[in-house]
Amino acid sequence: MSAFVTAARFVGDLDDEFYADELQRDIWNEASAVGFQSLLWIGLIGGAVLPYAAGVTGAWMALGLFFVLISVSFVVLGYARERGIDMYASQKLRRSRIAFAGLLFFLAGAGAALRLLAHYGGGNLQSLWIGAAIGAPVGLAAGVVGIKNRRRRVQEAERAAEKAELLGFDPNK
């Protein structure tokens, strides 16, 4: 086990006898997934509203909130990947909820940027346009790399499933 998985198992207390019962473990895993998704959606909505509702303080809070949400998401995705499940290869990314989450991220980022620039930049939005001119191609490049990585991961998962099937293993068990 890697140090990351060992630390994650310690933080999640996964060696507790509670997890020995399969039904309890399955229900707890479902409840944890609901809690995680609720945390993400409440955080996204709060982060999108804060810059507009609470001004400069809200903008800083939104940035901090998104840093925390992204960090927790990476821990969850990293743990799943270390355990052999690549969420990017095993689910469809073209879903309305992902588009809505992206919209909330955009609203929060734009709101925070405008609030902070208006406060610290004396209302001069020139740096916002410079940032957009730099950020747009960087974001586009990151999107292209992400799409290529996703395609590669799907192909690797398909090859692994075919190999397991040829060797007589059922990949769905």
N, C-alpha and C. Protein backbone atom coordinates (compact mmCIF):
# COMPACT_ATOMS: atom_id res chain seq x y z
N MET A 1 0.84 -1.18 0.00
CA MET A 1 0.00 0.00 0.00
C MET A 1 0.88 1.24 0.00
N SER A 2 0.49 2.21 -0.79
CA SER A 2 1.25 3.45 -0.85
C SER A 2 1.01 4.26 0.42
N ALA A 3 1.86 5.24 0.64
CA ALA A 3 1.71 6.11 1.81
C ALA A 3 0.39 6.88 1.75
N PHE A 4 -0.02 7.26 0.54
CA PHE A 4 -1.28 7.98 0.37
C PHE A 4 -2.46 7.11 0.80
N VAL A 5 -2.50 5.85 0.35
CA VAL A 5 -3.60 4.96 0.71
C VAL A 5 -3.57 4.66 2.21
N THR A 6 -2.38 4.47 2.76
CA THR A 6 -2.26 4.22 4.20
C THR A 6 -2.79 5.41 4.99
N ALA A 7 -2.41 6.62 4.59
CA ALA A 7 -2.91 7.82 5.28
C ALA A 7 -4.41 7.96 5.11
N ALA A 8 -4.92 7.69 3.91
CA ALA A 8 -6.36 7.81 3.66
C ALA A 8 -7.13 6.78 4.49
N ARG A 9 -6.60 5.57 4.60
CA ARG A 9 -7.27 4.55 5.41
C ARG A 9 -7.29 4.96 6.88
N PHE A 10 -6.22 5.61 7.35
CA PHE A 10 -6.17 6.08 8.73
C PHE A 10 -7.19 7.20 8.95
N VAL A 11 -7.21 8.18 8.04
CA VAL A 11 -8.13 9.31 8.17
C VAL A 11 -9.58 8.81 8.12
N GLY A 12 -9.87 7.89 7.21
CA GLY A 12 -11.22 7.36 7.07
C GLY A 12 -11.56 6.28 8.08
N ASP A 13 -10.59 5.89 8.92
CA ASP A 13 -10.77 4.85 9.93
C ASP A 13 -11.32 3.57 9.30
N LEU A 14 -10.75 3.18 8.15
CA LEU A 14 -11.29 2.08 7.37
C LEU A 14 -10.98 0.70 7.94
N ASP A 15 -10.13 0.62 8.95
CA ASP A 15 -9.83 -0.66 9.56
C ASP A 15 -10.72 -0.95 10.76
N ASP A 16 -11.67 -0.08 11.02
CA ASP A 16 -12.61 -0.26 12.12
C ASP A 16 -13.48 -1.49 11.86
N GLU A 17 -13.89 -2.17 12.92
CA GLU A 17 -14.71 -3.37 12.77
C GLU A 17 -16.08 -3.07 12.16
N PHE A 18 -16.49 -1.82 12.19
CA PHE A 18 -17.75 -1.40 11.58
C PHE A 18 -17.81 -1.82 10.11
N TYR A 19 -16.67 -1.78 9.42
CA TYR A 19 -16.63 -2.08 7.99
C TYR A 19 -16.62 -3.57 7.69
N ALA A 20 -16.59 -4.42 8.73
CA ALA A 20 -16.60 -5.86 8.50
C ALA A 20 -17.95 -6.33 7.95
N ASP A 21 -19.03 -5.70 8.37
CA ASP A 21 -20.36 -6.05 7.88
C ASP A 21 -20.56 -5.40 6.51
N GLU A 22 -20.79 -6.23 5.49
CA GLU A 22 -20.86 -5.73 4.12
C GLU A 22 -22.05 -4.79 3.90
N LEU A 23 -23.20 -5.09 4.47
CA LEU A 23 -24.37 -4.23 4.29
C LEU A 23 -24.14 -2.86 4.93
N GLN A 24 -23.59 -2.87 6.15
CA GLN A 24 -23.28 -1.59 6.81
C GLN A 24 -22.29 -0.78 5.98
N ARG A 25 -21.28 -1.47 5.46
CA ARG A 25 -20.26 -0.79 4.66
C ARG A 25 -20.88 -0.19 3.39
N ASP A 26 -21.74 -0.95 2.71
CA ASP A 26 -22.36 -0.45 1.49
C ASP A 26 -23.25 0.76 1.77
N ILE A 27 -24.05 0.68 2.82
CA ILE A 27 -24.94 1.80 3.16
C ILE A 27 -24.11 3.01 3.57
N TRP A 28 -23.06 2.78 4.36
CA TRP A 28 -22.21 3.90 4.77
C TRP A 28 -21.52 4.53 3.56
N ASN A 29 -21.09 3.71 2.62
CA ASN A 29 -20.46 4.25 1.41
C ASN A 29 -21.44 5.10 0.61
N GLU A 30 -22.70 4.64 0.51
CA GLU A 30 -23.71 5.45 -0.18
C GLU A 30 -23.97 6.75 0.57
N ALA A 31 -24.08 6.67 1.90
CA ALA A 31 -24.31 7.88 2.70
C ALA A 31 -23.13 8.84 2.57
N SER A 32 -21.93 8.31 2.53
CA SER A 32 -20.75 9.16 2.36
C SER A 32 -20.75 9.83 1.00
N ALA A 33 -21.17 9.11 -0.03
CA ALA A 33 -21.24 9.70 -1.38
C ALA A 33 -22.28 10.82 -1.41
N VAL A 34 -23.43 10.59 -0.77
CA VAL A 34 -24.46 11.64 -0.71
C VAL A 34 -23.92 12.85 0.05
N GLY A 35 -23.23 12.61 1.15
CA GLY A 35 -22.65 13.71 1.93
C GLY A 35 -21.61 14.47 1.15
N PHE A 36 -20.76 13.76 0.44
CA PHE A 36 -19.71 14.40 -0.36
C PHE A 36 -20.32 15.25 -1.47
N GLN A 37 -21.29 14.69 -2.18
CA GLN A 37 -21.95 15.46 -3.25
C GLN A 37 -22.69 16.66 -2.68
N SER A 38 -23.34 16.50 -1.53
CA SER A 38 -24.03 17.63 -0.89
C SER A 38 -23.03 18.72 -0.52
N LEU A 39 -21.90 18.33 0.04
CA LEU A 39 -20.85 19.29 0.38
C LEU A 39 -20.40 20.05 -0.86
N LEU A 40 -20.18 19.34 -1.95
CA LEU A 40 -19.74 19.99 -3.18
C LEU A 40 -20.78 20.97 -3.70
N TRP A 41 -22.04 20.55 -3.77
CA TRP A 41 -23.08 21.43 -4.33
C TRP A 41 -23.35 22.63 -3.43
N ILE A 42 -23.40 22.41 -2.13
CA ILE A 42 -23.62 23.54 -1.21
C ILE A 42 -22.44 24.50 -1.30
N GLY A 43 -21.22 23.95 -1.37
CA GLY A 43 -20.04 24.79 -1.50
C GLY A 43 -20.00 25.56 -2.81
N LEU A 44 -20.39 24.89 -3.91
CA LEU A 44 -20.42 25.57 -5.21
C LEU A 44 -21.44 26.70 -5.22
N ILE A 45 -22.62 26.44 -4.70
CA ILE A 45 -23.66 27.48 -4.68
C ILE A 45 -23.24 28.61 -3.76
N GLY A 46 -22.73 28.26 -2.58
CA GLY A 46 -22.26 29.30 -1.65
C GLY A 46 -21.13 30.12 -2.24
N GLY A 47 -20.19 29.45 -2.89
CA GLY A 47 -19.07 30.16 -3.50
C GLY A 47 -19.50 31.06 -4.64
N ALA A 48 -20.55 30.67 -5.35
CA ALA A 48 -21.05 31.50 -6.45
C ALA A 48 -21.79 32.72 -5.93
N VAL A 49 -22.41 32.61 -4.75
CA VAL A 49 -23.20 33.71 -4.19
C VAL A 49 -22.34 34.67 -3.37
N LEU A 50 -21.35 34.15 -2.67
CA LEU A 50 -20.56 34.96 -1.74
C LEU A 50 -19.95 36.24 -2.33
N PRO A 51 -19.30 36.21 -3.49
CA PRO A 51 -18.71 37.45 -4.00
C PRO A 51 -19.74 38.55 -4.25
N TYR A 52 -20.94 38.15 -4.61
CA TYR A 52 -21.98 39.13 -4.90
C TYR A 52 -22.68 39.60 -3.63
N ALA A 53 -22.85 38.69 -2.67
CA ALA A 53 -23.61 39.01 -1.46
C ALA A 53 -22.77 39.63 -0.36
N ALA A 54 -21.49 39.28 -0.28
CA ALA A 54 -20.67 39.73 0.84
C ALA A 54 -19.46 40.55 0.41
N GLY A 55 -19.42 41.00 -0.82
CA GLY A 55 -18.37 41.90 -1.27
C GLY A 55 -16.99 41.27 -1.30
N VAL A 56 -15.99 42.09 -0.93
CA VAL A 56 -14.59 41.65 -0.98
C VAL A 56 -14.34 40.48 -0.03
N THR A 57 -14.90 40.56 1.16
CA THR A 57 -14.74 39.46 2.11
C THR A 57 -15.32 38.18 1.55
N GLY A 58 -16.48 38.28 0.93
CA GLY A 58 -17.11 37.11 0.31
C GLY A 58 -16.29 36.55 -0.84
N ALA A 59 -15.62 37.44 -1.59
CA ALA A 59 -14.77 36.98 -2.69
C ALA A 59 -13.61 36.15 -2.16
N TRP A 60 -12.98 36.63 -1.09
CA TRP A 60 -11.88 35.85 -0.49
C TRP A 60 -12.39 34.54 0.09
N MET A 61 -13.56 34.58 0.71
CA MET A 61 -14.15 33.36 1.27
C MET A 61 -14.46 32.36 0.15
N ALA A 62 -14.98 32.85 -0.97
CA ALA A 62 -15.30 31.97 -2.10
C ALA A 62 -14.03 31.30 -2.63
N LEU A 63 -12.95 32.06 -2.75
CA LEU A 63 -11.69 31.47 -3.23
C LEU A 63 -11.19 30.40 -2.26
N GLY A 64 -11.26 30.69 -0.96
CA GLY A 64 -10.85 29.70 0.03
C GLY A 64 -11.72 28.46 0.01
N LEU A 65 -13.02 28.68 -0.14
CA LEU A 65 -13.97 27.57 -0.20
C LEU A 65 -13.69 26.67 -1.40
N PHE A 66 -13.43 27.27 -2.54
CA PHE A 66 -13.15 26.47 -3.73
C PHE A 66 -11.82 25.74 -3.62
N PHE A 67 -10.84 26.34 -2.97
CA PHE A 67 -9.57 25.65 -2.76
C PHE A 67 -9.80 24.39 -1.91
N VAL A 68 -10.60 24.51 -0.87
CA VAL A 68 -10.90 23.36 -0.01
C VAL A 68 -11.68 22.30 -0.79
N LEU A 69 -12.71 22.71 -1.53
CA LEU A 69 -13.51 21.75 -2.29
C LEU A 69 -12.68 21.00 -3.33
N ILE A 70 -11.82 21.72 -4.02
CA ILE A 70 -10.99 21.08 -5.03
C ILE A 70 -9.99 20.13 -4.37
N SER A 71 -9.43 20.52 -3.23
CA SER A 71 -8.49 19.65 -2.52
C SER A 71 -9.17 18.35 -2.09
N VAL A 72 -10.36 18.45 -1.51
CA VAL A 72 -11.08 17.25 -1.07
C VAL A 72 -11.44 16.38 -2.27
N SER A 73 -11.86 17.00 -3.37
CA SER A 73 -12.19 16.24 -4.58
C SER A 73 -10.99 15.48 -5.09
N PHE A 74 -9.82 16.11 -5.09
CA PHE A 74 -8.61 15.43 -5.55
C PHE A 74 -8.23 14.27 -4.62
N VAL A 75 -8.46 14.41 -3.33
CA VAL A 75 -8.20 13.31 -2.41
C VAL A 75 -9.12 12.13 -2.73
N VAL A 76 -10.41 12.41 -2.93
CA VAL A 76 -11.37 11.35 -3.25
C VAL A 76 -11.00 10.66 -4.56
N LEU A 77 -10.74 11.45 -5.60
CA LEU A 77 -10.39 10.88 -6.90
C LEU A 77 -9.06 10.13 -6.84
N GLY A 78 -8.10 10.67 -6.09
CA GLY A 78 -6.81 10.01 -5.95
C GLY A 78 -6.91 8.68 -5.23
N TYR A 79 -7.72 8.63 -4.17
CA TYR A 79 -7.90 7.38 -3.44
C TYR A 79 -8.56 6.33 -4.33
N ALA A 80 -9.60 6.74 -5.05
CA ALA A 80 -10.26 5.79 -5.95
C ALA A 80 -9.29 5.27 -7.00
N ARG A 81 -8.48 6.16 -7.53
CA ARG A 81 -7.53 5.75 -8.57
C ARG A 81 -6.47 4.80 -7.99
N GLU A 82 -5.99 5.09 -6.80
CA GLU A 82 -5.00 4.21 -6.15
C GLU A 82 -5.59 2.82 -5.91
N ARG A 83 -6.90 2.75 -5.73
CA ARG A 83 -7.57 1.47 -5.48
C ARG A 83 -8.04 0.81 -6.78
N GLY A 84 -7.70 1.42 -7.94
CA GLY A 84 -7.97 0.77 -9.21
C GLY A 84 -9.19 1.27 -9.97
N ILE A 85 -9.83 2.34 -9.51
CA ILE A 85 -10.99 2.89 -10.21
C ILE A 85 -10.66 4.30 -10.68
N ASP A 86 -10.67 4.47 -11.99
CA ASP A 86 -10.41 5.79 -12.57
C ASP A 86 -11.75 6.41 -12.94
N MET A 87 -12.18 7.38 -12.16
CA MET A 87 -13.49 7.99 -12.37
C MET A 87 -13.58 8.69 -13.72
N TYR A 88 -12.45 9.18 -14.23
CA TYR A 88 -12.48 9.86 -15.52
C TYR A 88 -12.72 8.88 -16.66
N ALA A 89 -12.34 7.62 -16.49
CA ALA A 89 -12.52 6.63 -17.54
C ALA A 89 -13.84 5.88 -17.39
N SER A 90 -14.42 5.88 -16.19
CA SER A 90 -15.59 5.03 -15.96
C SER A 90 -16.92 5.78 -15.95
N GLN A 91 -16.93 7.07 -16.19
CA GLN A 91 -18.21 7.79 -16.22
C GLN A 91 -18.25 8.77 -17.38
N LYS A 92 -19.47 9.10 -17.77
CA LYS A 92 -19.65 10.08 -18.83
C LYS A 92 -19.44 11.47 -18.25
N LEU A 93 -18.65 12.28 -18.94
CA LEU A 93 -18.38 13.63 -18.46
C LEU A 93 -19.31 14.66 -19.10
N ARG A 94 -20.07 14.25 -20.11
CA ARG A 94 -21.02 15.17 -20.75
C ARG A 94 -22.39 14.98 -20.10
N ARG A 95 -22.54 15.60 -18.95
CA ARG A 95 -23.82 15.52 -18.24
C ARG A 95 -24.20 16.92 -17.82
N SER A 96 -25.50 17.12 -17.65
CA SER A 96 -25.98 18.47 -17.32
C SER A 96 -25.46 18.93 -15.96
N ARG A 97 -25.30 18.03 -15.02
CA ARG A 97 -24.83 18.45 -13.69
C ARG A 97 -23.38 18.93 -13.74
N ILE A 98 -22.58 18.38 -14.63
CA ILE A 98 -21.20 18.85 -14.77
C ILE A 98 -21.17 20.22 -15.42
N ALA A 99 -22.05 20.44 -16.40
CA ALA A 99 -22.15 21.76 -17.02
C ALA A 99 -22.62 22.80 -15.99
N PHE A 100 -23.58 22.43 -15.16
CA PHE A 100 -24.07 23.34 -14.13
C PHE A 100 -22.98 23.66 -13.11
N ALA A 101 -22.22 22.65 -12.72
CA ALA A 101 -21.11 22.88 -11.78
C ALA A 101 -20.08 23.81 -12.40
N GLY A 102 -19.78 23.62 -13.69
CA GLY A 102 -18.85 24.52 -14.38
C GLY A 102 -19.36 25.94 -14.40
N LEU A 103 -20.67 26.11 -14.61
CA LEU A 103 -21.27 27.44 -14.59
C LEU A 103 -21.12 28.09 -13.21
N LEU A 104 -21.34 27.31 -12.15
CA LEU A 104 -21.18 27.85 -10.80
C LEU A 104 -19.72 28.24 -10.53
N PHE A 105 -18.78 27.42 -10.98
CA PHE A 105 -17.37 27.77 -10.84
C PHE A 105 -17.07 29.07 -11.58
N PHE A 106 -17.61 29.21 -12.79
CA PHE A 106 -17.39 30.43 -13.56
C PHE A 106 -17.98 31.64 -12.87
N LEU A 107 -19.22 31.52 -12.38
CA LEU A 107 -19.86 32.64 -11.69
C LEU A 107 -19.06 33.06 -10.46
N ALA A 108 -18.59 32.09 -9.71
CA ALA A 108 -17.82 32.40 -8.52
C ALA A 108 -16.48 33.03 -8.89
N GLY A 109 -15.80 32.45 -9.86
CA GLY A 109 -14.50 32.99 -10.27
C GLY A 109 -14.62 34.38 -10.83
N ALA A 110 -15.61 34.59 -11.70
CA ALA A 110 -15.81 35.92 -12.29
C ALA A 110 -16.22 36.92 -11.22
N GLY A 111 -17.11 36.51 -10.33
CA GLY A 111 -17.54 37.41 -9.26
C GLY A 111 -16.40 37.78 -8.33
N ALA A 112 -15.60 36.78 -7.96
CA ALA A 112 -14.46 37.05 -7.08
C ALA A 112 -13.44 37.94 -7.78
N ALA A 113 -13.16 37.66 -9.06
CA ALA A 113 -12.19 38.48 -9.80
C ALA A 113 -12.66 39.92 -9.92
N LEU A 114 -13.91 40.11 -10.27
CA LEU A 114 -14.43 41.48 -10.41
C LEU A 114 -14.42 42.22 -9.08
N ARG A 115 -14.84 41.54 -8.01
CA ARG A 115 -14.85 42.19 -6.69
C ARG A 115 -13.45 42.58 -6.26
N LEU A 116 -12.51 41.66 -6.39
CA LEU A 116 -11.15 41.92 -5.93
C LEU A 116 -10.46 42.96 -6.79
N LEU A 117 -10.70 42.93 -8.10
CA LEU A 117 -10.11 43.95 -8.97
C LEU A 117 -10.70 45.32 -8.70
N ALA A 118 -11.99 45.37 -8.47
CA ALA A 118 -12.61 46.66 -8.19
C ALA A 118 -12.08 47.24 -6.88
N HIS A 119 -11.82 46.35 -5.91
CA HIS A 119 -11.37 46.83 -4.60
C HIS A 119 -9.87 47.16 -4.59
N TYR A 120 -9.05 46.22 -5.08
CA TYR A 120 -7.61 46.40 -5.01
C TYR A 120 -7.02 47.09 -6.23
N GLY A 121 -7.73 47.05 -7.35
CA GLY A 121 -7.22 47.65 -8.58
C GLY A 121 -7.79 49.02 -8.85
N GLY A 122 -8.50 49.57 -7.90
CA GLY A 122 -9.07 50.90 -8.08
C GLY A 122 -10.13 50.96 -9.18
N GLY A 123 -10.78 49.85 -9.45
CA GLY A 123 -11.82 49.83 -10.47
C GLY A 123 -11.30 49.64 -11.88
N ASN A 124 -9.98 49.56 -12.05
CA ASN A 124 -9.39 49.38 -13.37
C ASN A 124 -9.48 47.90 -13.75
N LEU A 125 -10.22 47.62 -14.81
CA LEU A 125 -10.42 46.23 -15.23
C LEU A 125 -9.46 45.79 -16.32
N GLN A 126 -8.43 46.60 -16.60
CA GLN A 126 -7.47 46.24 -17.64
C GLN A 126 -6.78 44.92 -17.31
N SER A 127 -6.42 44.73 -16.04
CA SER A 127 -5.74 43.49 -15.67
C SER A 127 -6.68 42.29 -15.81
N LEU A 128 -7.99 42.50 -15.68
CA LEU A 128 -8.94 41.41 -15.89
C LEU A 128 -8.88 40.93 -17.34
N TRP A 129 -8.84 41.86 -18.28
CA TRP A 129 -8.78 41.49 -19.70
C TRP A 129 -7.44 40.85 -20.03
N ILE A 130 -6.37 41.31 -19.41
CA ILE A 130 -5.07 40.68 -19.63
C ILE A 130 -5.10 39.25 -19.10
N GLY A 131 -5.67 39.09 -17.91
CA GLY A 131 -5.80 37.75 -17.33
C GLY A 131 -6.67 36.84 -18.18
N ALA A 132 -7.75 37.39 -18.73
CA ALA A 132 -8.63 36.60 -19.61
C ALA A 132 -7.90 36.21 -20.89
N ALA A 133 -7.11 37.13 -21.42
CA ALA A 133 -6.37 36.84 -22.66
C ALA A 133 -5.33 35.74 -22.43
N ILE A 134 -4.77 35.70 -21.25
CA ILE A 134 -3.80 34.65 -20.93
C ILE A 134 -4.52 33.37 -20.50
N GLY A 135 -5.56 33.53 -19.70
CA GLY A 135 -6.27 32.37 -19.15
C GLY A 135 -7.05 31.58 -20.17
N ALA A 136 -7.61 32.26 -21.18
CA ALA A 136 -8.42 31.55 -22.18
C ALA A 136 -7.61 30.51 -22.94
N PRO A 137 -6.44 30.86 -23.50
CA PRO A 137 -5.68 29.81 -24.20
C PRO A 137 -5.14 28.74 -23.25
N VAL A 138 -4.77 29.15 -22.04
CA VAL A 138 -4.28 28.16 -21.07
C VAL A 138 -5.42 27.19 -20.72
N GLY A 139 -6.62 27.73 -20.48
CA GLY A 139 -7.77 26.89 -20.18
C GLY A 139 -8.14 25.98 -21.34
N LEU A 140 -8.07 26.50 -22.55
CA LEU A 140 -8.36 25.70 -23.73
C LEU A 140 -7.34 24.57 -23.87
N ALA A 141 -6.07 24.89 -23.66
CA ALA A 141 -5.02 23.86 -23.73
C ALA A 141 -5.23 22.80 -22.66
N ALA A 142 -5.60 23.23 -21.45
CA ALA A 142 -5.86 22.28 -20.37
C ALA A 142 -7.05 21.39 -20.73
N GLY A 143 -8.07 21.96 -21.36
CA GLY A 143 -9.21 21.17 -21.79
C GLY A 143 -8.84 20.13 -22.83
N VAL A 144 -8.02 20.52 -23.79
CA VAL A 144 -7.57 19.58 -24.83
C VAL A 144 -6.76 18.45 -24.21
N VAL A 145 -5.85 18.80 -23.30
CA VAL A 145 -5.05 17.78 -22.62
C VAL A 145 -5.96 16.85 -21.81
N GLY A 146 -6.95 17.42 -21.13
CA GLY A 146 -7.88 16.62 -20.35
C GLY A 146 -8.68 15.65 -21.21
N ILE A 147 -9.14 16.12 -22.36
CA ILE A 147 -9.90 15.25 -23.27
C ILE A 147 -9.01 14.12 -23.79
N LYS A 148 -7.78 14.45 -24.16
CA LYS A 148 -6.86 13.41 -24.66
C LYS A 148 -6.54 12.40 -23.56
N ASN A 149 -6.33 12.88 -22.32
CA ASN A 149 -6.06 11.97 -21.21
C ASN A 149 -7.26 11.07 -20.94
N ARG A 150 -8.45 11.61 -21.02
CA ARG A 150 -9.65 10.82 -20.79
C ARG A 150 -9.77 9.72 -21.84
N ARG A 151 -9.55 10.06 -23.10
CA ARG A 151 -9.61 9.06 -24.17
C ARG A 151 -8.58 7.96 -23.94
N ARG A 152 -7.37 8.37 -23.53
CA ARG A 152 -6.31 7.39 -23.26
C ARG A 152 -6.71 6.48 -22.11
N ARG A 153 -7.28 7.05 -21.05
CA ARG A 153 -7.69 6.24 -19.90
C ARG A 153 -8.79 5.26 -20.26
N VAL A 154 -9.75 5.69 -21.06
CA VAL A 154 -10.82 4.79 -21.49
C VAL A 154 -10.24 3.64 -22.30
N GLN A 155 -9.32 3.94 -23.21
CA GLN A 155 -8.69 2.88 -24.01
C GLN A 155 -7.91 1.92 -23.12
N GLU A 156 -7.19 2.45 -22.12
CA GLU A 156 -6.44 1.58 -21.21
C GLU A 156 -7.38 0.70 -20.40
N ALA A 157 -8.50 1.26 -19.95
CA ALA A 157 -9.47 0.47 -19.19
C ALA A 157 -10.08 -0.63 -20.06
N GLU A 158 -10.38 -0.31 -21.32
CA GLU A 158 -10.92 -1.31 -22.24
C GLU A 158 -9.90 -2.42 -22.49
N ARG A 159 -8.63 -2.04 -22.69
CA ARG A 159 -7.58 -3.05 -22.91
C ARG A 159 -7.41 -3.94 -21.69
N ALA A 160 -7.45 -3.34 -20.50
CA ALA A 160 -7.30 -4.13 -19.27
C ALA A 160 -8.47 -5.10 -19.12
N ALA A 161 -9.69 -4.65 -19.45
CA ALA A 161 -10.85 -5.53 -19.36
C ALA A 161 -10.75 -6.67 -20.37
N GLU A 162 -10.30 -6.36 -21.59
CA GLU A 162 -10.13 -7.40 -22.61
C GLU A 162 -9.06 -8.41 -22.18
N LYS A 163 -7.97 -7.91 -21.62
CA LYS A 163 -6.90 -8.80 -21.16
C LYS A 163 -7.40 -9.70 -20.04
N ALA A 164 -8.14 -9.12 -19.10
CA ALA A 164 -8.68 -9.91 -17.99
C ALA A 164 -9.66 -10.96 -18.52
N GLU A 165 -10.45 -10.60 -19.52
CA GLU A 165 -11.40 -11.54 -20.10
C GLU A 165 -10.68 -12.68 -20.81
N LEU A 166 -9.60 -12.35 -21.52
CA LEU A 166 -8.82 -13.39 -22.20
C LEU A 166 -8.16 -14.35 -21.22
N LEU A 167 -7.80 -13.82 -20.05
CA LEU A 167 -7.16 -14.66 -19.04
C LEU A 167 -8.18 -15.44 -18.21
N GLY A 168 -9.47 -15.19 -18.45
CA GLY A 168 -10.51 -15.93 -17.74
C GLY A 168 -11.04 -15.24 -16.51
N PHE A 169 -10.69 -13.98 -16.30
CA PHE A 169 -11.19 -13.25 -15.15
C PHE A 169 -12.42 -12.46 -15.57
N ASP A 170 -13.37 -12.36 -14.66
CA ASP A 170 -14.55 -11.54 -14.93
C ASP A 170 -14.28 -10.15 -14.36
N PRO A 171 -14.12 -9.12 -15.22
CA PRO A 171 -13.79 -7.79 -14.73
C PRO A 171 -14.93 -7.13 -13.96
N ASN A 172 -16.14 -7.70 -14.05
CA ASN A 172 -17.29 -7.10 -13.36
C ASN A 172 -17.49 -7.64 -11.97
N LYS A 173 -16.65 -8.56 -11.53
CA LYS A 173 -16.79 -9.11 -10.17
C LYS A 173 -15.85 -8.44 -9.23
